[in-house]
Amino acid sequence: MSPERVGGRVGGARAQIPPQRGRGIDNVVVLVEARNDEEPSLLGLYHGIALTDRDSYYAGSLPDTVTIYREAILDICNTDDEVVEEVAITVIHEIAHYFGIDDDRLHELGWG
C-alpha cells in the first residue's frame, strides 16, 4: 500500500475518535513515516506531553506528534482490510497517549 493510501487511512482513523474526545485534540500533528530506525517493528509513536502532565510551561510548545510507521504495519498485515484496521488501532492507541492513557489501560480497553 502506498504512503498516500496509508495517509488517507490515518485520516479515516482519526474520524473514528468520538467527537467529544476529537474536539479535545489540540496542537497534535499525525505523521506517516516508513519505519522507526531505532525500533523497526514499532507501529506508532506518540511524542509529546500528555494532557494530564501539562503545566503552565507547556504554553508555546511545538506540536506533539503521532507517527505511524507504514512499513512496520505492512509487515504484519496480509490484506488491505487488515492495514485499515491496524492503522485505526495504532492511531487511536497513540492519540490515547496524548490524553494520558497508558499502555496497560489501552490493553484493558482492547486498543493494545
C-alpha atoms as a PDB file:
ATOM      1  CA  MET A   1       0.000   0.000   0.000  1.00  0.00           C
ATOM      2  CA  SER A   2       1.389   3.384  -0.973  1.00  0.00           C
ATOM      3  CA  PRO A   3       2.322   6.085   1.553  1.00  0.00           C
ATOM      4  CA  GLU A   4      -0.564   8.198   0.253  1.00  0.00           C
ATOM      5  CA  ARG A   5      -3.123   5.434   0.825  1.00  0.00           C
ATOM      6  CA  VAL A   6      -1.826   4.787   4.333  1.00  0.00           C
ATOM      7  CA  GLY A   7      -2.003   8.534   4.983  1.00  0.00           C
ATOM      8  CA  GLY A   8      -5.636   8.504   3.874  1.00  0.00           C
ATOM      9  CA  ARG A   9      -6.318   5.667   6.307  1.00  0.00           C
ATOM     10  CA  VAL A  10      -4.852   7.795   9.105  1.00  0.00           C
ATOM     11  CA  GLY A  11      -7.462  10.457   8.403  1.00  0.00           C
ATOM     12  CA  GLY A  12     -10.175   7.817   8.464  1.00  0.00           C
ATOM     13  CA  ALA A  13      -8.891   6.516  11.784  1.00  0.00           C
ATOM     14  CA  ARG A  14      -8.985   9.985  13.317  1.00  0.00           C
ATOM     15  CA  ALA A  15     -12.623  10.238  12.263  1.00  0.00           C
ATOM     16  CA  GLN A  16     -13.383   7.189  14.477  1.00  0.00           C
ATOM     17  CA  ILE A  17     -12.436   9.126  17.609  1.00  0.00           C
ATOM     18  CA  PRO A  18     -15.618  10.099  19.475  1.00  0.00           C
ATOM     19  CA  PRO A  19     -16.474  13.764  18.766  1.00  0.00           C
ATOM     20  CA  GLN A  20     -16.276  14.794  22.434  1.00  0.00           C
ATOM     21  CA  ARG A  21     -12.673  13.493  22.501  1.00  0.00           C
ATOM     22  CA  GLY A  22     -11.783  14.620  18.995  1.00  0.00           C
ATOM     23  CA  ARG A  23     -12.626  18.224  19.824  1.00  0.00           C
ATOM     24  CA  GLY A  24     -10.156  17.985  22.725  1.00  0.00           C
ATOM     25  CA  ILE A  25      -7.206  17.248  20.456  1.00  0.00           C
ATOM     26  CA  ASP A  26      -5.152  20.388  20.011  1.00  0.00           C
ATOM     27  CA  ASN A  27      -1.587  21.025  18.879  1.00  0.00           C
ATOM     28  CA  VAL A  28      -1.017  17.446  17.609  1.00  0.00           C
ATOM     29  CA  VAL A  29       0.380  16.507  14.212  1.00  0.00           C
ATOM     30  CA  VAL A  30      -0.041  12.998  12.788  1.00  0.00           C
ATOM     31  CA  LEU A  31       2.795  11.899  10.509  1.00  0.00           C
ATOM     32  CA  VAL A  32       3.362   8.798   8.400  1.00  0.00           C
ATOM     33  CA  GLU A  33       6.937   7.588   8.064  1.00  0.00           C
ATOM     34  CA  ALA A  34       8.385   4.439   6.559  1.00  0.00           C
ATOM     35  CA  ARG A  35       9.890   2.911   9.692  1.00  0.00           C
ATOM     36  CA  ASN A  36      11.359   3.797  13.087  1.00  0.00           C
ATOM     37  CA  ASP A  37      15.147   3.454  12.716  1.00  0.00           C
ATOM     38  CA  GLU A  38      15.719   2.591  16.377  1.00  0.00           C
ATOM     39  CA  GLU A  39      12.866   0.078  16.673  1.00  0.00           C
ATOM     40  CA  PRO A  40      11.973  -1.187  13.173  1.00  0.00           C
ATOM     41  CA  SER A  41       8.917  -3.203  14.283  1.00  0.00           C
ATOM     42  CA  LEU A  42       7.302  -0.239  16.075  1.00  0.00           C
ATOM     43  CA  LEU A  43       3.886   0.543  14.595  1.00  0.00           C
ATOM     44  CA  GLY A  44       3.387   4.011  16.042  1.00  0.00           C
ATOM     45  CA  LEU A  45       4.812   6.519  18.483  1.00  0.00           C
ATOM     46  CA  TYR A  46       3.418   9.437  20.463  1.00  0.00           C
ATOM     47  CA  HIS A  47       5.961  12.133  21.220  1.00  0.00           C
ATOM     48  CA  GLY A  48       4.884  14.985  23.409  1.00  0.00           C
ATOM     49  CA  ILE A  49       3.460  15.901  26.773  1.00  0.00           C
ATOM     50  CA  ALA A  50       0.178  14.213  27.668  1.00  0.00           C
ATOM     51  CA  LEU A  51      -2.679  16.488  28.684  1.00  0.00           C
ATOM     52  CA  THR A  52      -2.552  15.001  32.173  1.00  0.00           C
ATOM     53  CA  ASP A  53       1.111  16.051  32.555  1.00  0.00           C
ATOM     54  CA  ARG A  54       0.941  19.597  31.212  1.00  0.00           C
ATOM     55  CA  ASP A  55       1.565  22.637  33.328  1.00  0.00           C
ATOM     56  CA  SER A  56       1.931  26.360  32.698  1.00  0.00           C
ATOM     57  CA  TYR A  57       5.282  25.795  30.967  1.00  0.00           C
ATOM     58  CA  TYR A  58       3.586  23.997  28.071  1.00  0.00           C
ATOM     59  CA  ALA A  59       2.272  27.220  26.513  1.00  0.00           C
ATOM     60  CA  GLY A  60       4.030  27.983  23.238  1.00  0.00           C
ATOM     61  CA  SER A  61       5.405  24.451  22.840  1.00  0.00           C
ATOM     62  CA  LEU A  62       5.840  22.855  19.450  1.00  0.00           C
ATOM     63  CA  PRO A  63       3.052  20.450  18.474  1.00  0.00           C
ATOM     64  CA  ASP A  64       3.018  16.939  19.884  1.00  0.00           C
ATOM     65  CA  THR A  65       3.433  14.288  17.202  1.00  0.00           C
ATOM     66  CA  VAL A  66       1.920  10.918  16.489  1.00  0.00           C
ATOM     67  CA  THR A  67       3.993   8.987  13.987  1.00  0.00           C
ATOM     68  CA  ILE A  68       2.577   5.977  12.163  1.00  0.00           C
ATOM     69  CA  TYR A  69       5.190   3.613  10.717  1.00  0.00           C
ATOM     70  CA  ARG A  70       3.827   2.375   7.402  1.00  0.00           C
ATOM     71  CA  GLU A  71       6.309  -0.399   6.624  1.00  0.00           C
ATOM     72  CA  ALA A  72       6.013  -1.961  10.091  1.00  0.00           C
ATOM     73  CA  ILE A  73       2.233  -2.052   9.701  1.00  0.00           C
ATOM     74  CA  LEU A  74       2.505  -3.537   6.221  1.00  0.00           C
ATOM     75  CA  ASP A  75       4.881  -6.188   7.607  1.00  0.00           C
ATOM     76  CA  ILE A  76       2.182  -7.603   9.900  1.00  0.00           C
ATOM     77  CA  CYS A  77      -0.807  -7.280   7.555  1.00  0.00           C
ATOM     78  CA  ASN A  78      -1.791  -9.557   4.684  1.00  0.00           C
ATOM     79  CA  THR A  79      -4.680  -7.594   3.180  1.00  0.00           C
ATOM     80  CA  ASP A  80      -5.760  -4.011   2.670  1.00  0.00           C
ATOM     81  CA  ASP A  81      -8.574  -4.578   5.175  1.00  0.00           C
ATOM     82  CA  GLU A  82      -6.021  -5.627   7.804  1.00  0.00           C
ATOM     83  CA  VAL A  83      -3.983  -2.486   7.055  1.00  0.00           C
ATOM     84  CA  VAL A  84      -7.071  -0.304   7.525  1.00  0.00           C
ATOM     85  CA  GLU A  85      -7.826  -1.987  10.861  1.00  0.00           C
ATOM     86  CA  GLU A  86      -4.227  -1.820  12.120  1.00  0.00           C
ATOM     87  CA  VAL A  87      -3.832   1.830  11.135  1.00  0.00           C
ATOM     88  CA  ALA A  88      -7.033   2.648  13.048  1.00  0.00           C
ATOM     89  CA  ILE A  89      -5.882   0.728  16.120  1.00  0.00           C
ATOM     90  CA  THR A  90      -2.445   2.348  16.018  1.00  0.00           C
ATOM     91  CA  VAL A  91      -3.716   5.908  15.514  1.00  0.00           C
ATOM     92  CA  ILE A  92      -6.274   5.593  18.302  1.00  0.00           C
ATOM     93  CA  HIS A  93      -3.683   3.945  20.576  1.00  0.00           C
ATOM     94  CA  GLU A  94      -1.154   6.759  20.069  1.00  0.00           C
ATOM     95  CA  ILE A  95      -3.711   9.546  20.395  1.00  0.00           C
ATOM     96  CA  ALA A  96      -4.865   7.933  23.640  1.00  0.00           C
ATOM     97  CA  HIS A  97      -1.360   8.586  24.992  1.00  0.00           C
ATOM     98  CA  TYR A  98      -1.985  12.283  24.266  1.00  0.00           C
ATOM     99  CA  PHE A  99      -4.932  12.042  26.680  1.00  0.00           C
ATOM    100  CA  GLY A 100      -2.692  10.387  29.283  1.00  0.00           C
ATOM    101  CA  ILE A 101      -3.949   6.819  28.859  1.00  0.00           C
ATOM    102  CA  ASP A 102      -1.113   4.335  29.428  1.00  0.00           C
ATOM    103  CA  ASP A 103      -0.420   1.053  27.624  1.00  0.00           C
ATOM    104  CA  ASP A 104      -1.852  -1.131  30.399  1.00  0.00           C
ATOM    105  CA  ARG A 105      -5.199   0.680  30.275  1.00  0.00           C
ATOM    106  CA  LEU A 106      -5.225   0.596  26.473  1.00  0.00           C
ATOM    107  CA  HIS A 107      -4.747  -3.183  26.551  1.00  0.00           C
ATOM    108  CA  GLU A 108      -7.662  -3.469  29.000  1.00  0.00           C
ATOM    109  CA  LEU A 109      -9.813  -1.432  26.600  1.00  0.00           C
ATOM    110  CA  GLY A 110      -8.818  -3.563  23.597  1.00  0.00           C
ATOM    111  CA  TRP A 111      -6.642  -0.924  21.932  1.00  0.00           C
ATOM    112  CA  GLY A 112      -3.313  -2.563  22.796  1.00  0.00           C
END
